[in-house]
């Protein structure tokens, strides 16, 4: 059985995945002053942050339409027997729902999996799914195992711009006001696919120290092998953070992963966080 693997443009694909002929990406859209851009095609993260400086209105993001998924799936049906779509959290975007609706309109079977996360963890899940298929696991087993892995994810992020998070509707006015007035640095976690304020710190350094504390605590219990450093725009900041973490966790592989334009609309260019699966 030949399988096409589909994800969305919030996922960061490394070079191996970009070259894989069976991996396909469907873009989300960013709307800025009535002009629409396709994430990763018409718009990079750097271009987004440059444009934000001159925008008249807050930017908005939009999920791929049912029609866009249907068109992609019909095209893939010519060369594949099955499609597996692993997409960003259904509680952060309607992308998952669009895929499910499109799957009912095409002849090829489509398995749509809610990752409950975004960015590089999507890529990690696709890689794991490919490994299981290669060793002969059925898609039922693959789906079941991936869902178990998904539920072990921990993601902790220091948001780069409270203003952008507020303007995009991801933070209430009260929390934004308190954060701005008191210079509080909220530490955001993603739990069951939803953003939560996990803790607050008085400075960026203290916030990073707390993030490392969470990583240390989980590592002592689970001894995972891979951690993803998520960043808005500034690779050098992510690499410096990676070097700091490697000193304490020499057996862990740290991968620096840009968040991309769609997530950048909500999070800001100075965003920095970490993500890992305790069961991967």
Protein backbone atom coordinates (compact mmCIF):
# COMPACT_ATOMS: atom_id res chain seq x y z
CA UNK A 1 0.00 0.00 0.00
CA UNK A 2 1.41 3.35 -1.05
CA UNK A 3 0.78 6.12 1.49
CA UNK A 4 0.89 9.91 1.06
CA UNK A 5 1.68 11.83 4.23
CA UNK A 6 0.10 15.27 4.51
CA UNK A 7 0.68 18.04 7.02
CA UNK A 8 0.07 21.78 7.16
CA UNK A 9 2.36 24.78 6.86
CA UNK A 10 2.69 25.26 10.62
CA UNK A 11 4.88 22.14 10.58
CA UNK A 12 8.60 22.71 10.20
CA UNK A 13 9.96 20.15 7.76
CA UNK A 14 13.67 19.38 7.99
CA UNK A 15 15.72 18.74 4.85
CA UNK A 16 15.04 15.00 4.82
CA UNK A 17 11.31 15.55 4.97
CA UNK A 18 11.40 18.29 2.33
CA UNK A 19 13.08 15.84 -0.05
CA UNK A 20 10.73 12.96 0.75
CA UNK A 21 8.49 12.47 -2.32
CA UNK A 22 5.61 11.13 -0.20
CA UNK A 23 5.30 14.17 2.10
CA UNK A 24 2.96 17.02 1.14
CA UNK A 25 2.17 20.33 2.83
CA UNK A 26 -1.05 22.32 2.58
CA UNK A 27 -0.64 26.00 3.46
CA UNK A 28 -2.62 28.12 5.87
CA UNK A 29 -3.24 31.74 4.89
CA UNK A 30 -2.29 35.06 6.43
CA UNK A 31 -4.49 38.09 5.70
CA UNK A 32 -2.82 41.51 5.98
CA UNK A 33 -4.65 44.70 5.04
CA UNK A 34 -7.02 42.77 2.77
CA UNK A 35 -4.18 40.98 0.97
CA UNK A 36 -3.95 37.20 1.34
CA UNK A 37 -0.65 35.31 1.54
CA UNK A 38 -0.05 31.55 1.58
CA UNK A 39 2.16 30.59 4.49
CA UNK A 40 5.56 29.37 3.30
CA UNK A 41 4.73 30.06 -0.33
CA UNK A 42 3.96 33.77 -0.61
CA UNK A 43 5.17 34.69 2.87
CA UNK A 44 8.09 33.80 5.11
CA UNK A 45 8.33 34.60 8.81
CA UNK A 46 10.87 37.35 8.17
CA UNK A 47 8.63 38.93 5.55
CA UNK A 48 5.73 38.75 7.97
CA UNK A 49 7.54 40.56 10.75
CA UNK A 50 8.76 43.22 8.33
CA UNK A 51 5.20 43.81 7.12
CA UNK A 52 3.81 43.98 10.66
CA UNK A 53 5.65 47.27 11.19
CA UNK A 54 3.54 49.06 8.58
CA UNK A 55 0.16 47.31 8.83
CA UNK A 56 -2.96 49.39 9.40
CA UNK A 57 -4.96 46.49 10.86
CA UNK A 58 -4.03 43.39 12.89
CA UNK A 59 -3.21 40.41 10.64
CA UNK A 60 -5.45 37.38 10.60
CA UNK A 61 -4.86 33.72 9.82
CA UNK A 62 -7.11 31.32 7.97
CA UNK A 63 -7.28 27.54 7.70
CA UNK A 64 -7.09 25.76 4.33
CA UNK A 65 -10.54 25.39 2.83
CA UNK A 66 -12.36 22.10 2.40
CA UNK A 67 -11.97 22.63 -1.34
CA UNK A 68 -8.19 23.01 -1.05
CA UNK A 69 -7.96 19.71 0.81
CA UNK A 70 -10.32 18.03 -1.65
CA UNK A 71 -8.21 19.19 -4.59
CA UNK A 72 -5.02 17.92 -2.97
CA UNK A 73 -6.55 14.58 -2.02
CA UNK A 74 -8.00 14.01 -5.49
CA UNK A 75 -4.60 14.73 -6.99
CA UNK A 76 -2.89 12.29 -4.61
CA UNK A 77 -5.46 9.59 -5.36
CA UNK A 78 -3.85 9.14 -8.78
CA UNK A 79 -0.59 7.86 -7.29
CA UNK A 80 -1.45 6.63 -3.78
CA UNK A 81 -3.69 4.06 -2.09
CA UNK A 82 -4.05 5.87 1.25
CA UNK A 83 -3.55 9.33 2.74
CA UNK A 84 -2.50 10.03 6.32
CA UNK A 85 -2.89 13.67 7.36
CA UNK A 86 -1.29 14.78 10.62
CA UNK A 87 -2.39 18.34 11.32
CA UNK A 88 -2.10 21.08 13.92
CA UNK A 89 -4.32 21.09 16.98
CA UNK A 90 -8.03 21.12 16.17
CA UNK A 91 -8.52 23.47 19.12
CA UNK A 92 -6.21 26.08 17.59
CA UNK A 93 -7.42 25.89 13.99
CA UNK A 94 -10.17 24.49 11.79
CA UNK A 95 -7.58 22.81 9.55
CA UNK A 96 -8.34 19.38 11.04
CA UNK A 97 -12.05 19.84 10.41
CA UNK A 98 -11.46 20.92 6.80
CA UNK A 99 -9.49 17.73 6.17
CA UNK A 100 -12.17 15.56 7.72
CA UNK A 101 -14.88 17.14 5.56
CA UNK A 102 -12.77 16.83 2.42
CA UNK A 103 -12.10 13.15 3.14
CA UNK A 104 -15.81 12.46 2.71
CA UNK A 105 -15.75 13.95 -0.79
CA UNK A 106 -12.96 11.83 -2.29
CA UNK A 107 -12.62 8.16 -3.20
CA UNK A 108 -9.21 7.58 -1.61
CA UNK A 109 -9.28 6.70 2.13
CA UNK A 110 -7.96 9.49 4.34
CA UNK A 111 -6.88 9.11 7.96
CA UNK A 112 -6.79 12.52 9.67
CA UNK A 113 -4.96 12.71 12.98
CA UNK A 114 -5.22 15.63 15.41
CA UNK A 115 -1.66 16.25 16.64
CA UNK A 116 -2.89 18.54 19.46
CA UNK A 117 0.28 20.53 18.76
CA UNK A 118 2.04 22.48 15.97
CA UNK A 119 5.46 23.11 14.40
CA UNK A 120 8.22 20.46 14.34
CA UNK A 121 6.41 17.95 16.59
CA UNK A 122 4.15 17.34 13.57
CA UNK A 123 7.21 16.29 11.59
CA UNK A 124 8.35 14.00 14.41
CA UNK A 125 4.95 12.29 14.38
CA UNK A 126 5.10 11.76 10.60
CA UNK A 127 8.56 10.24 10.91
CA UNK A 128 7.35 7.89 13.63
CA UNK A 129 4.33 6.93 11.54
CA UNK A 130 6.58 6.14 8.59
CA UNK A 131 8.79 3.97 10.80
CA UNK A 132 5.80 1.94 11.99
CA UNK A 133 4.47 1.45 8.46
CA UNK A 134 7.93 0.38 7.28
CA UNK A 135 8.11 -2.34 9.91
CA UNK A 136 4.71 -3.67 8.83
CA UNK A 137 2.26 -2.16 11.33
CA UNK A 138 -1.31 -1.70 10.15
CA UNK A 139 -2.74 1.82 9.94
CA UNK A 140 -5.01 0.97 12.88
CA UNK A 141 -1.93 0.23 14.97
CA UNK A 142 -0.14 3.32 13.65
CA UNK A 143 -3.09 5.55 14.54
CA UNK A 144 -3.42 4.06 18.01
CA UNK A 145 0.30 4.35 18.78
CA UNK A 146 0.56 7.90 17.44
CA UNK A 147 -2.36 9.03 19.59
CA UNK A 148 -0.65 7.56 22.66
CA UNK A 149 2.55 9.43 21.78
CA UNK A 150 0.64 12.67 21.16
CA UNK A 151 -0.81 12.54 24.66
CA UNK A 152 2.71 12.53 26.13
CA UNK A 153 3.73 15.84 24.52
CA UNK A 154 4.89 18.73 26.64
CA UNK A 155 5.28 22.17 25.09
CA UNK A 156 6.33 25.24 27.08
CA UNK A 157 6.75 28.61 25.41
CA UNK A 158 7.81 32.12 26.33
CA UNK A 159 5.67 34.28 24.04
CA UNK A 160 7.59 36.96 22.21
CA UNK A 161 4.78 39.51 21.96
CA UNK A 162 1.87 39.74 24.40
CA UNK A 163 0.42 42.46 22.18
CA UNK A 164 0.27 40.17 19.15
CA UNK A 165 -1.17 37.34 21.23
CA UNK A 166 -3.84 39.70 22.53
CA UNK A 167 -4.64 41.27 19.14
CA UNK A 168 -5.02 37.86 17.54
CA UNK A 169 -7.62 36.89 20.14
CA UNK A 170 -5.47 34.32 21.95
CA UNK A 171 -5.28 36.26 25.25
CA UNK A 172 -7.98 38.17 27.10
CA UNK A 173 -7.71 41.94 27.52
CA UNK A 174 -7.35 41.61 31.30
CA UNK A 175 -4.44 39.19 31.13
CA UNK A 176 -2.77 41.33 28.49
CA UNK A 177 -3.18 44.47 30.61
CA UNK A 178 -1.77 42.82 33.72
CA UNK A 179 1.12 41.37 31.78
CA UNK A 180 1.98 44.73 30.26
CA UNK A 181 1.65 46.79 33.44
CA UNK A 182 3.57 44.44 35.69
CA UNK A 183 6.14 43.32 33.12
CA UNK A 184 5.05 39.76 33.74
CA UNK A 185 6.42 37.09 31.41
CA UNK A 186 3.68 34.45 31.09
CA UNK A 187 4.92 30.94 30.38
CA UNK A 188 2.48 29.29 28.00
CA UNK A 189 1.88 25.55 27.80
CA UNK A 190 -0.19 23.58 25.31
CA UNK A 191 -2.36 21.06 27.12
CA UNK A 192 -4.69 18.79 25.15
CA UNK A 193 -4.28 21.12 22.18
CA UNK A 194 -5.17 24.34 24.03
CA UNK A 195 -3.03 27.28 25.17
CA UNK A 196 -2.79 27.78 28.92
CA UNK A 197 -0.82 30.13 31.14
CA UNK A 198 1.31 27.65 33.07
CA UNK A 199 3.20 30.12 35.22
CA UNK A 200 4.37 33.72 35.34
CA UNK A 201 7.87 35.10 35.77
CA UNK A 202 9.18 38.59 36.44
CA UNK A 203 11.91 38.53 33.81
CA UNK A 204 12.88 36.67 30.68
CA UNK A 205 15.81 35.04 32.46
CA UNK A 206 13.59 33.75 35.25
CA UNK A 207 11.10 32.50 32.69
CA UNK A 208 13.81 30.58 30.83
CA UNK A 209 15.06 29.13 34.13
CA UNK A 210 11.55 27.87 34.89
CA UNK A 211 11.26 26.33 31.42
CA UNK A 212 14.54 24.48 32.01
CA UNK A 213 13.21 23.31 35.38
CA UNK A 214 10.19 21.74 33.65
CA UNK A 215 12.45 20.06 31.11
CA UNK A 216 14.74 18.75 33.84
CA UNK A 217 11.84 17.32 35.83
CA UNK A 218 10.37 15.47 32.86
CA UNK A 219 13.74 14.22 31.68
CA UNK A 220 14.47 12.66 35.06
CA UNK A 221 11.24 10.65 34.73
CA UNK A 222 11.16 9.75 31.04
CA UNK A 223 14.70 10.01 29.60
CA UNK A 224 13.48 11.08 26.15
CA UNK A 225 16.06 11.47 23.38
CA UNK A 226 14.89 14.50 21.42
CA UNK A 227 13.77 18.05 22.26
CA UNK A 228 12.57 20.70 19.81
CA UNK A 229 13.54 24.32 20.40
CA UNK A 230 10.82 26.50 18.89
CA UNK A 231 11.63 30.09 17.93
CA UNK A 232 9.91 32.98 16.19
CA UNK A 233 12.61 34.52 14.01
CA UNK A 234 16.01 34.71 15.67
CA UNK A 235 17.97 31.51 15.05
CA UNK A 236 21.01 32.73 16.99
CA UNK A 237 18.92 33.02 20.17
CA UNK A 238 17.61 29.48 19.68
CA UNK A 239 21.14 28.16 19.05
CA UNK A 240 22.46 29.86 22.18
CA UNK A 241 19.64 28.27 24.18
CA UNK A 242 20.42 24.90 22.60
CA UNK A 243 24.09 25.19 23.58
CA UNK A 244 23.12 25.98 27.16
CA UNK A 245 20.81 22.96 27.30
CA UNK A 246 23.33 20.59 25.69
CA UNK A 247 25.75 21.22 28.52
CA UNK A 248 23.23 19.88 31.03
CA UNK A 249 21.58 17.25 28.81
CA UNK A 250 24.41 15.81 26.68
CA UNK A 251 22.45 12.68 25.72
CA UNK A 252 19.52 14.66 24.30
CA UNK A 253 19.35 15.81 20.67
CA UNK A 254 18.15 19.41 20.44
CA UNK A 255 16.61 20.55 17.14
CA UNK A 256 16.07 24.26 16.42
CA UNK A 257 12.75 24.80 14.64
CA UNK A 258 11.33 28.10 13.31
CA UNK A 259 7.62 28.59 13.96
CA UNK A 260 6.78 30.11 10.58
CA UNK A 261 4.51 32.95 9.50
CA UNK A 262 1.12 31.62 10.62
CA UNK A 263 2.22 31.03 14.20
CA UNK A 264 4.33 34.20 14.10
CA UNK A 265 1.15 36.24 13.62
CA UNK A 266 0.04 35.18 17.09
CA UNK A 267 3.30 34.67 18.95
CA UNK A 268 5.80 37.32 17.82
CA UNK A 269 9.35 37.21 16.53
CA UNK A 270 10.99 36.87 19.97
CA UNK A 271 9.07 33.74 20.92
CA UNK A 272 11.18 30.93 22.37
CA UNK A 273 10.06 27.58 23.69
CA UNK A 274 10.69 23.85 23.90
CA UNK A 275 8.64 20.78 23.06
CA UNK A 276 9.14 17.06 23.45
CA UNK A 277 7.30 13.73 23.60
CA UNK A 278 7.86 11.73 26.77
CA UNK A 279 7.12 8.50 24.87
CA UNK A 280 9.13 9.12 21.72
